[in-house]
């Protein structure tokens, strides 16, 4: 698994993470628990570390906390979640609850402000928590490209922000216009959500074959095609495709290995996708 450094510390982070939106928001029975534990086992065995969740994702935090217990490699997990409420005390209560649900023992690698809700209030709390060692990193997130301006202003004025999470895919490339460069220039790691447009990209290419030249880049599936395209930009730190399917997590992890496209190959990938 390829890694990229978190700019604020230099800590290496594997480039493929695991999102939990929808995929972990499930009712647990013995069969489902076994499937999700297999997802985590394969994820860790393939070199993955970062698992991202949110209180917005229904049962996902609690399900993660239940299924991660006893899975080999979990001791190296990089757990990330978010605060999604207004008010200082409500934020503290929600974050403490999230850490408990996820089995984080009162310490978390990354806490993010979800969709920039009450950002100023939560930033003050997170700075205190970071100083006290309760969290290691501070992040901000949004699910729309229209928030790039707001997130950019905070990145410029708040040097304590370590991570920024936002949407980016081969079909929606607004981040390439300036936002990836802005994050890199200010030493902010990037987490990419919606790399498959919540599976919408697969619908777009349902009847299309991979181009023959994709094999020259070590690409054997559309998932790898979409993920390797994003990873070809050095300013992308980690992708977090969500899945609860063991076969899919194995496929996603392969995108974090081997050759990454150069500028000419990227252009060819976009042109072929647009032609479908």
C-alpha atoms as a PDB file:
ATOM      1  CA  UNK A   1       0.000   0.000   0.000  1.00  0.00           C
ATOM      2  CA  UNK A   2       1.341   3.404  -0.943  1.00  0.00           C
ATOM      3  CA  UNK A   3       1.424   6.015   1.804  1.00  0.00           C
ATOM      4  CA  UNK A   4       1.497   9.789   1.832  1.00  0.00           C
ATOM      5  CA  UNK A   5       2.621  12.021   4.690  1.00  0.00           C
ATOM      6  CA  UNK A   6       0.175  14.006   6.782  1.00  0.00           C
ATOM      7  CA  UNK A   7       1.693  17.458   6.175  1.00  0.00           C
ATOM      8  CA  UNK A   8       1.398  18.781   9.732  1.00  0.00           C
ATOM      9  CA  UNK A   9       3.370  15.898  11.262  1.00  0.00           C
ATOM     10  CA  UNK A  10       4.917  13.823   8.478  1.00  0.00           C
ATOM     11  CA  UNK A  11       3.103  10.714   9.729  1.00  0.00           C
ATOM     12  CA  UNK A  12       2.663   8.298   6.787  1.00  0.00           C
ATOM     13  CA  UNK A  13      -0.949   7.430   5.988  1.00  0.00           C
ATOM     14  CA  UNK A  14      -2.043   4.669   3.599  1.00  0.00           C
ATOM     15  CA  UNK A  15      -3.743   6.186   0.555  1.00  0.00           C
ATOM     16  CA  UNK A  16      -6.847   3.974   0.668  1.00  0.00           C
ATOM     17  CA  UNK A  17      -9.119   4.354   3.684  1.00  0.00           C
ATOM     18  CA  UNK A  18     -12.579   3.053   4.511  1.00  0.00           C
ATOM     19  CA  UNK A  19     -15.765   5.096   4.599  1.00  0.00           C
ATOM     20  CA  UNK A  20     -18.806   3.898   6.526  1.00  0.00           C
ATOM     21  CA  UNK A  21     -21.688   5.977   5.163  1.00  0.00           C
ATOM     22  CA  UNK A  22     -24.617   3.583   4.563  1.00  0.00           C
ATOM     23  CA  UNK A  23     -22.342   0.541   4.439  1.00  0.00           C
ATOM     24  CA  UNK A  24     -22.006   0.279   8.252  1.00  0.00           C
ATOM     25  CA  UNK A  25     -25.404   1.748   9.089  1.00  0.00           C
ATOM     26  CA  UNK A  26     -26.929  -1.708   9.452  1.00  0.00           C
ATOM     27  CA  UNK A  27     -28.586  -3.932  11.998  1.00  0.00           C
ATOM     28  CA  UNK A  28     -26.073  -6.459  13.250  1.00  0.00           C
ATOM     29  CA  UNK A  29     -26.796 -10.173  13.126  1.00  0.00           C
ATOM     30  CA  UNK A  30     -24.175 -12.963  13.228  1.00  0.00           C
ATOM     31  CA  UNK A  31     -23.941 -13.139   9.437  1.00  0.00           C
ATOM     32  CA  UNK A  32     -23.632  -9.388   8.907  1.00  0.00           C
ATOM     33  CA  UNK A  33     -21.122  -9.091  11.726  1.00  0.00           C
ATOM     34  CA  UNK A  34     -19.004 -11.790  10.116  1.00  0.00           C
ATOM     35  CA  UNK A  35     -19.081  -9.955   6.757  1.00  0.00           C
ATOM     36  CA  UNK A  36     -18.076  -6.629   8.280  1.00  0.00           C
ATOM     37  CA  UNK A  37     -15.324  -8.206  10.340  1.00  0.00           C
ATOM     38  CA  UNK A  38     -14.018  -9.741   7.135  1.00  0.00           C
ATOM     39  CA  UNK A  39     -14.084  -6.276   5.537  1.00  0.00           C
ATOM     40  CA  UNK A  40     -11.944  -4.953   8.389  1.00  0.00           C
ATOM     41  CA  UNK A  41      -9.627  -7.977   8.325  1.00  0.00           C
ATOM     42  CA  UNK A  42      -8.983  -7.553   4.605  1.00  0.00           C
ATOM     43  CA  UNK A  43      -8.656  -3.786   4.991  1.00  0.00           C
ATOM     44  CA  UNK A  44      -5.988  -4.064   7.673  1.00  0.00           C
ATOM     45  CA  UNK A  45      -4.209  -6.969   5.965  1.00  0.00           C
ATOM     46  CA  UNK A  46      -4.027  -4.910   2.766  1.00  0.00           C
ATOM     47  CA  UNK A  47      -2.337  -2.036   4.556  1.00  0.00           C
ATOM     48  CA  UNK A  48      -5.369   0.168   5.279  1.00  0.00           C
ATOM     49  CA  UNK A  49      -5.611   2.196   8.484  1.00  0.00           C
ATOM     50  CA  UNK A  50      -8.046   5.124   8.300  1.00  0.00           C
ATOM     51  CA  UNK A  51     -11.719   4.423   9.050  1.00  0.00           C
ATOM     52  CA  UNK A  52     -14.040   7.418   8.768  1.00  0.00           C
ATOM     53  CA  UNK A  53     -17.501   7.788  10.299  1.00  0.00           C
ATOM     54  CA  UNK A  54     -19.949  10.341  11.714  1.00  0.00           C
ATOM     55  CA  UNK A  55     -22.900  10.553  14.114  1.00  0.00           C
ATOM     56  CA  UNK A  56     -24.848  11.520  10.983  1.00  0.00           C
ATOM     57  CA  UNK A  57     -24.367   7.960   9.682  1.00  0.00           C
ATOM     58  CA  UNK A  58     -26.974   6.335  11.894  1.00  0.00           C
ATOM     59  CA  UNK A  59     -25.644   3.181  13.566  1.00  0.00           C
ATOM     60  CA  UNK A  60     -22.258   3.267  11.828  1.00  0.00           C
ATOM     61  CA  UNK A  61     -20.139   4.402  14.783  1.00  0.00           C
ATOM     62  CA  UNK A  62     -21.623   1.780  17.109  1.00  0.00           C
ATOM     63  CA  UNK A  63     -21.321  -0.939  14.466  1.00  0.00           C
ATOM     64  CA  UNK A  64     -17.650  -0.092  13.942  1.00  0.00           C
ATOM     65  CA  UNK A  65     -17.069  -0.300  17.675  1.00  0.00           C
ATOM     66  CA  UNK A  66     -18.694  -3.722  17.809  1.00  0.00           C
ATOM     67  CA  UNK A  67     -17.129  -5.370  14.772  1.00  0.00           C
ATOM     68  CA  UNK A  68     -13.557  -4.089  15.198  1.00  0.00           C
ATOM     69  CA  UNK A  69     -13.031  -5.950  18.452  1.00  0.00           C
ATOM     70  CA  UNK A  70     -10.563  -8.787  18.008  1.00  0.00           C
ATOM     71  CA  UNK A  71      -9.866  -8.160  14.310  1.00  0.00           C
ATOM     72  CA  UNK A  72      -6.133  -8.615  13.622  1.00  0.00           C
ATOM     73  CA  UNK A  73      -4.441  -5.332  12.784  1.00  0.00           C
ATOM     74  CA  UNK A  74      -6.963  -3.156  14.592  1.00  0.00           C
ATOM     75  CA  UNK A  75      -4.274  -1.943  16.971  1.00  0.00           C
ATOM     76  CA  UNK A  76      -2.908   0.147  14.068  1.00  0.00           C
ATOM     77  CA  UNK A  77      -6.269   1.661  13.074  1.00  0.00           C
ATOM     78  CA  UNK A  78      -6.521   5.393  12.451  1.00  0.00           C
ATOM     79  CA  UNK A  79     -10.036   6.227  13.649  1.00  0.00           C
ATOM     80  CA  UNK A  80     -11.809   9.337  12.423  1.00  0.00           C
ATOM     81  CA  UNK A  81     -15.272  10.707  13.070  1.00  0.00           C
ATOM     82  CA  UNK A  82     -17.063  14.044  13.220  1.00  0.00           C
ATOM     83  CA  UNK A  83     -19.048  16.462  15.333  1.00  0.00           C
ATOM     84  CA  UNK A  84     -22.425  17.338  13.839  1.00  0.00           C
ATOM     85  CA  UNK A  85     -24.352  19.613  16.174  1.00  0.00           C
ATOM     86  CA  UNK A  86     -24.431  23.209  17.427  1.00  0.00           C
ATOM     87  CA  UNK A  87     -23.237  24.475  20.798  1.00  0.00           C
ATOM     88  CA  UNK A  88     -20.091  23.829  22.810  1.00  0.00           C
ATOM     89  CA  UNK A  89     -21.495  21.410  25.376  1.00  0.00           C
ATOM     90  CA  UNK A  90     -23.643  19.570  22.852  1.00  0.00           C
ATOM     91  CA  UNK A  91     -20.543  19.164  20.737  1.00  0.00           C
ATOM     92  CA  UNK A  92     -18.503  17.833  23.647  1.00  0.00           C
ATOM     93  CA  UNK A  93     -21.250  15.398  24.622  1.00  0.00           C
ATOM     94  CA  UNK A  94     -21.660  14.168  21.053  1.00  0.00           C
ATOM     95  CA  UNK A  95     -17.910  13.708  20.512  1.00  0.00           C
ATOM     96  CA  UNK A  96     -17.480  11.838  23.789  1.00  0.00           C
ATOM     97  CA  UNK A  97     -20.395   9.589  22.822  1.00  0.00           C
ATOM     98  CA  UNK A  98     -18.901   8.952  19.380  1.00  0.00           C
ATOM     99  CA  UNK A  99     -15.552   7.964  20.823  1.00  0.00           C
ATOM    100  CA  UNK A 100     -17.267   5.568  23.210  1.00  0.00           C
ATOM    101  CA  UNK A 101     -19.351   3.989  20.457  1.00  0.00           C
ATOM    102  CA  UNK A 102     -16.301   3.476  18.274  1.00  0.00           C
ATOM    103  CA  UNK A 103     -14.313   1.863  21.075  1.00  0.00           C
ATOM    104  CA  UNK A 104     -11.653   4.572  21.115  1.00  0.00           C
ATOM    105  CA  UNK A 105     -10.987   4.656  24.881  1.00  0.00           C
ATOM    106  CA  UNK A 106     -11.179   8.424  25.186  1.00  0.00           C
ATOM    107  CA  UNK A 107      -8.589   9.130  22.473  1.00  0.00           C
ATOM    108  CA  UNK A 108      -9.116   9.567  18.754  1.00  0.00           C
ATOM    109  CA  UNK A 109      -6.776  10.160  15.833  1.00  0.00           C
ATOM    110  CA  UNK A 110      -8.997  12.595  13.908  1.00  0.00           C
ATOM    111  CA  UNK A 111     -12.077  14.612  14.870  1.00  0.00           C
ATOM    112  CA  UNK A 112     -13.700  16.639  12.100  1.00  0.00           C
ATOM    113  CA  UNK A 113     -16.358  19.343  12.005  1.00  0.00           C
ATOM    114  CA  UNK A 114     -19.056  17.836   9.820  1.00  0.00           C
ATOM    115  CA  UNK A 115     -20.367  20.059   7.035  1.00  0.00           C
ATOM    116  CA  UNK A 116     -18.930  23.119   8.810  1.00  0.00           C
ATOM    117  CA  UNK A 117     -21.724  23.170  11.423  1.00  0.00           C
ATOM    118  CA  UNK A 118     -20.898  25.716  14.179  1.00  0.00           C
ATOM    119  CA  UNK A 119     -17.267  25.668  13.057  1.00  0.00           C
ATOM    120  CA  UNK A 120     -15.901  28.439  15.298  1.00  0.00           C
ATOM    121  CA  UNK A 121     -17.343  26.913  18.466  1.00  0.00           C
ATOM    122  CA  UNK A 122     -16.075  23.409  17.769  1.00  0.00           C
ATOM    123  CA  UNK A 123     -12.645  24.575  16.627  1.00  0.00           C
ATOM    124  CA  UNK A 124     -12.003  26.067  20.051  1.00  0.00           C
ATOM    125  CA  UNK A 125     -12.959  22.790  21.734  1.00  0.00           C
ATOM    126  CA  UNK A 126     -10.852  20.740  19.329  1.00  0.00           C
ATOM    127  CA  UNK A 127      -7.814  22.941  19.865  1.00  0.00           C
ATOM    128  CA  UNK A 128      -8.145  22.289  23.609  1.00  0.00           C
ATOM    129  CA  UNK A 129      -8.549  18.558  23.036  1.00  0.00           C
ATOM    130  CA  UNK A 130      -5.565  18.441  20.697  1.00  0.00           C
ATOM    131  CA  UNK A 131      -3.395  20.264  23.239  1.00  0.00           C
ATOM    132  CA  UNK A 132      -4.516  17.808  25.925  1.00  0.00           C
ATOM    133  CA  UNK A 133      -3.781  14.779  23.717  1.00  0.00           C
ATOM    134  CA  UNK A 134      -7.397  13.658  23.481  1.00  0.00           C
ATOM    135  CA  UNK A 135      -7.255  13.909  19.698  1.00  0.00           C
ATOM    136  CA  UNK A 136      -4.236  13.947  17.410  1.00  0.00           C
ATOM    137  CA  UNK A 137      -5.644  15.846  14.431  1.00  0.00           C
ATOM    138  CA  UNK A 138      -8.356  18.422  13.652  1.00  0.00           C
ATOM    139  CA  UNK A 139     -10.357  18.375  10.431  1.00  0.00           C
ATOM    140  CA  UNK A 140     -13.177  20.102   8.590  1.00  0.00           C
ATOM    141  CA  UNK A 141     -15.526  18.477   6.073  1.00  0.00           C
ATOM    142  CA  UNK A 142     -18.236  19.111   3.534  1.00  0.00           C
ATOM    143  CA  UNK A 143     -20.084  17.054   0.957  1.00  0.00           C
ATOM    144  CA  UNK A 144     -20.512  19.769  -1.697  1.00  0.00           C
ATOM    145  CA  UNK A 145     -18.082  21.586  -3.952  1.00  0.00           C
ATOM    146  CA  UNK A 146     -19.909  24.849  -3.218  1.00  0.00           C
ATOM    147  CA  UNK A 147     -18.293  24.823   0.247  1.00  0.00           C
ATOM    148  CA  UNK A 148     -14.745  25.090  -1.112  1.00  0.00           C
ATOM    149  CA  UNK A 149     -14.735  28.842  -0.593  1.00  0.00           C
ATOM    150  CA  UNK A 150     -15.784  28.624   3.060  1.00  0.00           C
ATOM    151  CA  UNK A 151     -13.402  25.759   3.823  1.00  0.00           C
ATOM    152  CA  UNK A 152     -10.597  27.608   2.071  1.00  0.00           C
ATOM    153  CA  UNK A 153     -11.077  30.662   4.274  1.00  0.00           C
ATOM    154  CA  UNK A 154     -10.773  28.550   7.419  1.00  0.00           C
ATOM    155  CA  UNK A 155      -7.712  26.738   6.083  1.00  0.00           C
ATOM    156  CA  UNK A 156      -6.015  30.089   5.443  1.00  0.00           C
ATOM    157  CA  UNK A 157      -6.805  31.530   8.879  1.00  0.00           C
ATOM    158  CA  UNK A 158      -6.588  28.437  11.125  1.00  0.00           C
ATOM    159  CA  UNK A 159      -3.163  26.756  11.114  1.00  0.00           C
ATOM    160  CA  UNK A 160      -4.437  24.140  13.603  1.00  0.00           C
ATOM    161  CA  UNK A 161      -6.524  22.482  10.854  1.00  0.00           C
ATOM    162  CA  UNK A 162      -4.720  19.289   9.813  1.00  0.00           C
ATOM    163  CA  UNK A 163      -7.284  17.663   7.490  1.00  0.00           C
ATOM    164  CA  UNK A 164      -9.943  18.709   5.013  1.00  0.00           C
ATOM    165  CA  UNK A 165     -12.490  16.204   3.688  1.00  0.00           C
ATOM    166  CA  UNK A 166     -14.447  16.963   0.515  1.00  0.00           C
ATOM    167  CA  UNK A 167     -16.047  15.390  -2.587  1.00  0.00           C
ATOM    168  CA  UNK A 168     -13.987  14.645  -5.669  1.00  0.00           C
ATOM    169  CA  UNK A 169     -14.309  12.159  -8.516  1.00  0.00           C
ATOM    170  CA  UNK A 170     -13.295  11.713 -12.137  1.00  0.00           C
ATOM    171  CA  UNK A 171     -16.737  13.034 -13.078  1.00  0.00           C
ATOM    172  CA  UNK A 172     -16.710  16.050 -10.731  1.00  0.00           C
ATOM    173  CA  UNK A 173     -13.281  17.614 -10.889  1.00  0.00           C
ATOM    174  CA  UNK A 174     -13.835  21.083  -9.406  1.00  0.00           C
ATOM    175  CA  UNK A 175     -11.229  20.334  -6.714  1.00  0.00           C
ATOM    176  CA  UNK A 176      -8.559  20.337  -9.423  1.00  0.00           C
ATOM    177  CA  UNK A 177      -9.209  23.993 -10.286  1.00  0.00           C
ATOM    178  CA  UNK A 178      -7.581  25.380  -7.129  1.00  0.00           C
ATOM    179  CA  UNK A 179      -8.710  23.595  -3.972  1.00  0.00           C
ATOM    180  CA  UNK A 180      -6.241  20.705  -3.990  1.00  0.00           C
ATOM    181  CA  UNK A 181      -3.409  23.176  -4.467  1.00  0.00           C
ATOM    182  CA  UNK A 182      -4.743  25.426  -1.703  1.00  0.00           C
ATOM    183  CA  UNK A 183      -4.735  22.521   0.764  1.00  0.00           C
ATOM    184  CA  UNK A 184      -1.213  21.532  -0.256  1.00  0.00           C
ATOM    185  CA  UNK A 185       0.068  25.103   0.015  1.00  0.00           C
ATOM    186  CA  UNK A 186      -1.257  25.376   3.588  1.00  0.00           C
ATOM    187  CA  UNK A 187      -0.052  21.957   4.729  1.00  0.00           C
ATOM    188  CA  UNK A 188      -3.489  20.371   5.046  1.00  0.00           C
ATOM    189  CA  UNK A 189      -4.059  16.667   4.391  1.00  0.00           C
ATOM    190  CA  UNK A 190      -6.977  15.797   2.119  1.00  0.00           C
ATOM    191  CA  UNK A 191      -9.585  13.084   2.585  1.00  0.00           C
ATOM    192  CA  UNK A 192     -11.683  12.409  -0.499  1.00  0.00           C
ATOM    193  CA  UNK A 193     -15.305  11.375  -0.052  1.00  0.00           C
ATOM    194  CA  UNK A 194     -17.724  10.276  -2.794  1.00  0.00           C
ATOM    195  CA  UNK A 195     -14.933   9.002  -5.106  1.00  0.00           C
ATOM    196  CA  UNK A 196     -17.529   6.801  -6.831  1.00  0.00           C
ATOM    197  CA  UNK A 197     -20.345   9.365  -6.606  1.00  0.00           C
ATOM    198  CA  UNK A 198     -22.114   6.924  -4.249  1.00  0.00           C
ATOM    199  CA  UNK A 199     -21.866   4.201  -6.938  1.00  0.00           C
ATOM    200  CA  UNK A 200     -23.186   6.549  -9.621  1.00  0.00           C
ATOM    201  CA  UNK A 201     -19.982   6.176 -11.643  1.00  0.00           C
ATOM    202  CA  UNK A 202     -20.518   2.437 -11.954  1.00  0.00           C
ATOM    203  CA  UNK A 203     -23.939   3.051 -13.463  1.00  0.00           C
ATOM    204  CA  UNK A 204     -22.312   5.355 -16.009  1.00  0.00           C
ATOM    205  CA  UNK A 205     -19.926   2.636 -17.203  1.00  0.00           C
ATOM    206  CA  UNK A 206     -22.180  -0.385 -16.716  1.00  0.00           C
ATOM    207  CA  UNK A 207     -21.965  -1.544 -20.329  1.00  0.00           C
ATOM    208  CA  UNK A 208     -18.527  -0.165 -21.146  1.00  0.00           C
ATOM    209  CA  UNK A 209     -15.336  -2.243 -21.158  1.00  0.00           C
ATOM    210  CA  UNK A 210     -12.155  -1.030 -19.563  1.00  0.00           C
ATOM    211  CA  UNK A 211      -9.817   0.304 -22.252  1.00  0.00           C
ATOM    212  CA  UNK A 212      -7.036  -2.105 -23.185  1.00  0.00           C
ATOM    213  CA  UNK A 213      -4.386   0.400 -22.128  1.00  0.00           C
ATOM    214  CA  UNK A 214      -5.701   0.414 -18.531  1.00  0.00           C
ATOM    215  CA  UNK A 215      -3.778  -2.811 -17.973  1.00  0.00           C
ATOM    216  CA  UNK A 216      -0.537  -0.956 -18.638  1.00  0.00           C
ATOM    217  CA  UNK A 217      -1.258   1.027 -15.461  1.00  0.00           C
ATOM    218  CA  UNK A 218      -2.083  -2.083 -13.438  1.00  0.00           C
ATOM    219  CA  UNK A 219      -5.826  -1.331 -13.567  1.00  0.00           C
ATOM    220  CA  UNK A 220      -8.088  -4.381 -13.644  1.00  0.00           C
ATOM    221  CA  UNK A 221     -11.456  -2.888 -12.596  1.00  0.00           C
ATOM    222  CA  UNK A 222     -13.467   0.297 -12.897  1.00  0.00           C
ATOM    223  CA  UNK A 223     -13.088   0.898  -9.148  1.00  0.00           C
ATOM    224  CA  UNK A 224      -9.314   0.930  -9.545  1.00  0.00           C
ATOM    225  CA  UNK A 225      -9.648   3.188 -12.599  1.00  0.00           C
ATOM    226  CA  UNK A 226     -11.625   5.779 -10.645  1.00  0.00           C
ATOM    227  CA  UNK A 227      -9.424   5.619  -7.541  1.00  0.00           C
ATOM    228  CA  UNK A 228      -6.056   5.637  -9.304  1.00  0.00           C
ATOM    229  CA  UNK A 229      -7.099   8.697 -11.260  1.00  0.00           C
ATOM    230  CA  UNK A 230      -7.615  10.622  -7.991  1.00  0.00           C
ATOM    231  CA  UNK A 231      -4.447   9.288  -6.395  1.00  0.00           C
ATOM    232  CA  UNK A 232      -2.401  10.512  -9.328  1.00  0.00           C
ATOM    233  CA  UNK A 233      -2.599  13.980  -7.736  1.00  0.00           C
ATOM    234  CA  UNK A 234       0.054  14.337  -5.035  1.00  0.00           C
ATOM    235  CA  UNK A 235      -2.199  16.675  -3.028  1.00  0.00           C
ATOM    236  CA  UNK A 236      -4.624  13.784  -2.427  1.00  0.00           C
ATOM    237  CA  UNK A 237      -3.689  12.171   0.877  1.00  0.00           C
ATOM    238  CA  UNK A 238      -6.314   9.440   1.327  1.00  0.00           C
ATOM    239  CA  UNK A 239      -9.472   8.197  -0.399  1.00  0.00           C
ATOM    240  CA  UNK A 240     -12.347   6.865   1.716  1.00  0.00           C
ATOM    241  CA  UNK A 241     -14.698   4.793  -0.465  1.00  0.00           C
ATOM    242  CA  UNK A 242     -17.460   3.287   1.665  1.00  0.00           C
ATOM    243  CA  UNK A 243     -18.181  -0.425   1.472  1.00  0.00           C
ATOM    244  CA  UNK A 244     -19.396  -3.317   3.566  1.00  0.00           C
ATOM    245  CA  UNK A 245     -18.522  -5.879   0.876  1.00  0.00           C
ATOM    246  CA  UNK A 246     -15.315  -7.922   1.346  1.00  0.00           C
ATOM    247  CA  UNK A 247     -14.742  -8.309  -2.411  1.00  0.00           C
ATOM    248  CA  UNK A 248     -15.129  -4.589  -2.960  1.00  0.00           C
ATOM    249  CA  UNK A 249     -12.679  -3.621  -0.228  1.00  0.00           C
ATOM    250  CA  UNK A 250     -10.085  -5.974  -1.734  1.00  0.00           C
ATOM    251  CA  UNK A 251     -10.604  -4.373  -5.135  1.00  0.00           C
ATOM    252  CA  UNK A 252     -10.364  -0.840  -3.734  1.00  0.00           C
ATOM    253  CA  UNK A 253      -7.117  -1.614  -1.923  1.00  0.00           C
ATOM    254  CA  UNK A 254      -5.419  -2.637  -5.175  1.00  0.00           C
ATOM    255  CA  UNK A 255      -5.757   0.947  -6.391  1.00  0.00           C
ATOM    256  CA  UNK A 256      -3.295   1.977  -3.690  1.00  0.00           C
ATOM    257  CA  UNK A 257      -0.544  -0.211  -5.078  1.00  0.00           C
ATOM    258  CA  UNK A 258       1.851   0.129  -7.992  1.00  0.00           C
ATOM    259  CA  UNK A 259       1.852   2.660 -10.798  1.00  0.00           C
ATOM    260  CA  UNK A 260      -0.101   5.906 -10.626  1.00  0.00           C
ATOM    261  CA  UNK A 261      -1.075   7.785 -13.791  1.00  0.00           C
ATOM    262  CA  UNK A 262       1.015  10.680 -15.045  1.00  0.00           C
ATOM    263  CA  UNK A 263      -0.448  13.858 -16.532  1.00  0.00           C
ATOM    264  CA  UNK A 264      -0.863  12.412 -20.037  1.00  0.00           C
ATOM    265  CA  UNK A 265      -2.425   9.225 -18.711  1.00  0.00           C
ATOM    266  CA  UNK A 266      -4.833  11.234 -16.581  1.00  0.00           C
ATOM    267  CA  UNK A 267      -5.998  13.165 -19.622  1.00  0.00           C
ATOM    268  CA  UNK A 268      -6.514   9.899 -21.501  1.00  0.00           C
ATOM    269  CA  UNK A 269      -8.537   8.475 -18.609  1.00  0.00           C
ATOM    270  CA  UNK A 270     -10.841  11.506 -18.510  1.00  0.00           C
ATOM    271  CA  UNK A 271     -11.296  11.495 -22.277  1.00  0.00           C
ATOM    272  CA  UNK A 272     -12.253   7.826 -22.326  1.00  0.00           C
ATOM    273  CA  UNK A 273     -14.666   8.208 -19.413  1.00  0.00           C
ATOM    274  CA  UNK A 274     -16.294  11.216 -21.066  1.00  0.00           C
ATOM    275  CA  UNK A 275     -16.711   9.266 -24.286  1.00  0.00           C
ATOM    276  CA  UNK A 276     -18.863   6.578 -22.662  1.00  0.00           C
END
